[in-house]
Amino acid sequence: MIRRTTFKIAILTLLLSVFISACGGSTGEVAPITEVNTEVETSIDGKTLLEERCTACHTLDRVESASKSAAGWGLNVREMVGKGAELNASEQEILIEYLSITYPYP
């Protein structure tokens, strides 16, 4: 019975040391915070979104040759998101507004 208990303690000690090593083997020292970035990108313009996100799959010529209403651009942007365009909801609205002003339906 003593051998079994000793074996369990040895295994637990080994597991604990592996866990501590995997966690970085903290020495109790904490690195000081030297700078905190409090700036969060709150807005990006429609032109930048168009140039950075839409041209990943097609050229600007394709967009520039189109003219649609805001509703039409909205359908188009949401279709592109469905196909993999990386735009969150607020970016979609910014892009739709930009497209409908820049390339409006005549």
C-alpha atoms as a PDB file:
ATOM      1  CA  MET A   1       0.000   0.000   0.000  1.00  0.00           C
ATOM      2  CA  ILE A   2       2.856   2.401   0.790  1.00  0.00           C
ATOM      3  CA  ARG A   3       4.447   1.763  -2.607  1.00  0.00           C
ATOM      4  CA  ARG A   4       1.170   2.650  -4.352  1.00  0.00           C
ATOM      5  CA  THR A   5       0.828   5.912  -2.393  1.00  0.00           C
ATOM      6  CA  THR A   6       4.466   6.796  -3.097  1.00  0.00           C
ATOM      7  CA  PHE A   7       3.909   6.071  -6.780  1.00  0.00           C
ATOM      8  CA  LYS A   8       0.805   8.326  -6.861  1.00  0.00           C
ATOM      9  CA  ILE A   9       2.700  11.138  -5.163  1.00  0.00           C
ATOM     10  CA  ALA A  10       5.577  10.775  -7.633  1.00  0.00           C
ATOM     11  CA  ILE A  11       3.196  10.881 -10.611  1.00  0.00           C
ATOM     12  CA  LEU A  12       1.338  13.915  -9.235  1.00  0.00           C
ATOM     13  CA  THR A  13       4.630  15.701  -8.580  1.00  0.00           C
ATOM     14  CA  LEU A  14       5.785  14.968 -12.119  1.00  0.00           C
ATOM     15  CA  LEU A  15       2.497  16.199 -13.609  1.00  0.00           C
ATOM     16  CA  LEU A  16       2.601  19.346 -11.494  1.00  0.00           C
ATOM     17  CA  SER A  17       6.167  20.139 -12.575  1.00  0.00           C
ATOM     18  CA  VAL A  18       5.244  19.606 -16.250  1.00  0.00           C
ATOM     19  CA  PHE A  19       2.231  21.890 -15.835  1.00  0.00           C
ATOM     20  CA  ILE A  20       4.325  24.603 -14.185  1.00  0.00           C
ATOM     21  CA  SER A  21       6.954  24.344 -16.927  1.00  0.00           C
ATOM     22  CA  ALA A  22       4.289  24.588 -19.633  1.00  0.00           C
ATOM     23  CA  CYS A  23       2.896  27.720 -17.990  1.00  0.00           C
ATOM     24  CA  GLY A  24       6.239  29.446 -18.154  1.00  0.00           C
ATOM     25  CA  GLY A  25       7.544  28.489 -14.752  1.00  0.00           C
ATOM     26  CA  SER A  26       6.520  31.755 -13.167  1.00  0.00           C
ATOM     27  CA  THR A  27       9.061  33.079 -10.714  1.00  0.00           C
ATOM     28  CA  GLY A  28       6.610  35.470  -9.160  1.00  0.00           C
ATOM     29  CA  GLU A  29       8.081  38.440 -11.005  1.00  0.00           C
ATOM     30  CA  VAL A  30       5.701  40.580 -12.982  1.00  0.00           C
ATOM     31  CA  ALA A  31       6.928  42.652 -15.912  1.00  0.00           C
ATOM     32  CA  PRO A  32       6.025  46.316 -15.537  1.00  0.00           C
ATOM     33  CA  ILE A  33       3.557  47.865 -17.940  1.00  0.00           C
ATOM     34  CA  THR A  34       5.418  50.514 -19.846  1.00  0.00           C
ATOM     35  CA  GLU A  35       2.751  51.641 -22.294  1.00  0.00           C
ATOM     36  CA  VAL A  36      -0.902  50.929 -22.783  1.00  0.00           C
ATOM     37  CA  ASN A  37      -2.452  51.377 -26.194  1.00  0.00           C
ATOM     38  CA  THR A  38      -5.849  52.907 -25.525  1.00  0.00           C
ATOM     39  CA  GLU A  39      -6.460  53.811 -29.156  1.00  0.00           C
ATOM     40  CA  VAL A  40      -9.020  51.653 -30.894  1.00  0.00           C
ATOM     41  CA  GLU A  41      -9.647  52.037 -34.579  1.00  0.00           C
ATOM     42  CA  THR A  42     -13.189  53.299 -34.491  1.00  0.00           C
ATOM     43  CA  SER A  43     -13.653  54.117 -38.132  1.00  0.00           C
ATOM     44  CA  ILE A  44     -12.325  53.338 -41.526  1.00  0.00           C
ATOM     45  CA  ASP A  45     -13.475  55.069 -44.656  1.00  0.00           C
ATOM     46  CA  GLY A  46     -15.354  53.484 -47.522  1.00  0.00           C
ATOM     47  CA  LYS A  47     -12.619  54.092 -50.069  1.00  0.00           C
ATOM     48  CA  THR A  48     -10.080  52.245 -47.921  1.00  0.00           C
ATOM     49  CA  LEU A  49     -12.489  49.355 -47.401  1.00  0.00           C
ATOM     50  CA  LEU A  50     -13.081  49.163 -51.145  1.00  0.00           C
ATOM     51  CA  GLU A  51      -9.377  49.233 -51.959  1.00  0.00           C
ATOM     52  CA  GLU A  52      -8.277  46.816 -49.228  1.00  0.00           C
ATOM     53  CA  ARG A  53     -11.111  44.304 -49.047  1.00  0.00           C
ATOM     54  CA  CYS A  54     -12.893  44.255 -52.403  1.00  0.00           C
ATOM     55  CA  THR A  55      -9.795  44.113 -54.572  1.00  0.00           C
ATOM     56  CA  ALA A  56      -8.769  40.862 -52.925  1.00  0.00           C
ATOM     57  CA  CYS A  57     -11.061  39.130 -55.434  1.00  0.00           C
ATOM     58  CA  HIS A  58     -11.540  41.559 -58.318  1.00  0.00           C
ATOM     59  CA  THR A  59     -10.266  44.812 -59.784  1.00  0.00           C
ATOM     60  CA  LEU A  60     -11.538  48.303 -59.039  1.00  0.00           C
ATOM     61  CA  ASP A  61     -12.624  48.575 -62.694  1.00  0.00           C
ATOM     62  CA  ARG A  62     -15.424  46.136 -61.983  1.00  0.00           C
ATOM     63  CA  VAL A  63     -16.767  48.301 -59.183  1.00  0.00           C
ATOM     64  CA  GLU A  64     -16.169  51.597 -61.008  1.00  0.00           C
ATOM     65  CA  SER A  65     -18.142  50.409 -64.034  1.00  0.00           C
ATOM     66  CA  ALA A  66     -21.219  49.687 -61.906  1.00  0.00           C
ATOM     67  CA  SER A  67     -23.879  52.105 -60.724  1.00  0.00           C
ATOM     68  CA  LYS A  68     -26.497  51.099 -58.182  1.00  0.00           C
ATOM     69  CA  SER A  69     -28.839  52.500 -55.588  1.00  0.00           C
ATOM     70  CA  ALA A  70     -27.988  52.157 -51.906  1.00  0.00           C
ATOM     71  CA  ALA A  71     -30.269  49.122 -51.775  1.00  0.00           C
ATOM     72  CA  GLY A  72     -28.521  47.618 -54.803  1.00  0.00           C
ATOM     73  CA  TRP A  73     -25.086  48.178 -53.316  1.00  0.00           C
ATOM     74  CA  GLY A  74     -26.354  46.720 -50.048  1.00  0.00           C
ATOM     75  CA  LEU A  75     -27.433  43.515 -51.787  1.00  0.00           C
ATOM     76  CA  ASN A  76     -24.124  43.369 -53.638  1.00  0.00           C
ATOM     77  CA  VAL A  77     -21.986  43.907 -50.519  1.00  0.00           C
ATOM     78  CA  ARG A  78     -23.918  41.306 -48.531  1.00  0.00           C
ATOM     79  CA  GLU A  79     -23.566  38.850 -51.412  1.00  0.00           C
ATOM     80  CA  MET A  80     -19.793  39.417 -51.395  1.00  0.00           C
ATOM     81  CA  VAL A  81     -19.685  38.861 -47.618  1.00  0.00           C
ATOM     82  CA  GLY A  82     -21.523  35.597 -48.244  1.00  0.00           C
ATOM     83  CA  LYS A  83     -18.750  34.665 -50.663  1.00  0.00           C
ATOM     84  CA  GLY A  84     -16.036  35.439 -48.109  1.00  0.00           C
ATOM     85  CA  ALA A  85     -15.413  39.193 -48.122  1.00  0.00           C
ATOM     86  CA  GLU A  86     -14.165  40.123 -44.669  1.00  0.00           C
ATOM     87  CA  LEU A  87     -16.398  42.992 -43.564  1.00  0.00           C
ATOM     88  CA  ASN A  88     -18.138  43.307 -40.217  1.00  0.00           C
ATOM     89  CA  ALA A  89     -21.599  44.891 -40.006  1.00  0.00           C
ATOM     90  CA  SER A  90     -20.387  48.470 -39.450  1.00  0.00           C
ATOM     91  CA  GLU A  91     -17.805  48.165 -42.237  1.00  0.00           C
ATOM     92  CA  GLN A  92     -20.539  46.921 -44.572  1.00  0.00           C
ATOM     93  CA  GLU A  93     -22.648  49.991 -43.844  1.00  0.00           C
ATOM     94  CA  ILE A  94     -19.682  52.321 -44.369  1.00  0.00           C
ATOM     95  CA  LEU A  95     -18.860  50.634 -47.677  1.00  0.00           C
ATOM     96  CA  ILE A  96     -22.480  50.665 -48.874  1.00  0.00           C
ATOM     97  CA  GLU A  97     -22.756  54.382 -48.108  1.00  0.00           C
ATOM     98  CA  TYR A  98     -19.488  55.110 -49.921  1.00  0.00           C
ATOM     99  CA  LEU A  99     -20.454  53.052 -52.974  1.00  0.00           C
ATOM    100  CA  SER A 100     -23.937  54.557 -53.232  1.00  0.00           C
ATOM    101  CA  ILE A 101     -22.515  58.107 -53.098  1.00  0.00           C
ATOM    102  CA  THR A 102     -19.513  57.467 -55.340  1.00  0.00           C
ATOM    103  CA  TYR A 103     -21.178  55.148 -57.885  1.00  0.00           C
ATOM    104  CA  PRO A 104     -24.877  56.061 -57.705  1.00  0.00           C
ATOM    105  CA  TYR A 105     -27.646  54.778 -59.915  1.00  0.00           C
ATOM    106  CA  PRO A 106     -28.270  57.513 -62.532  1.00  0.00           C
END
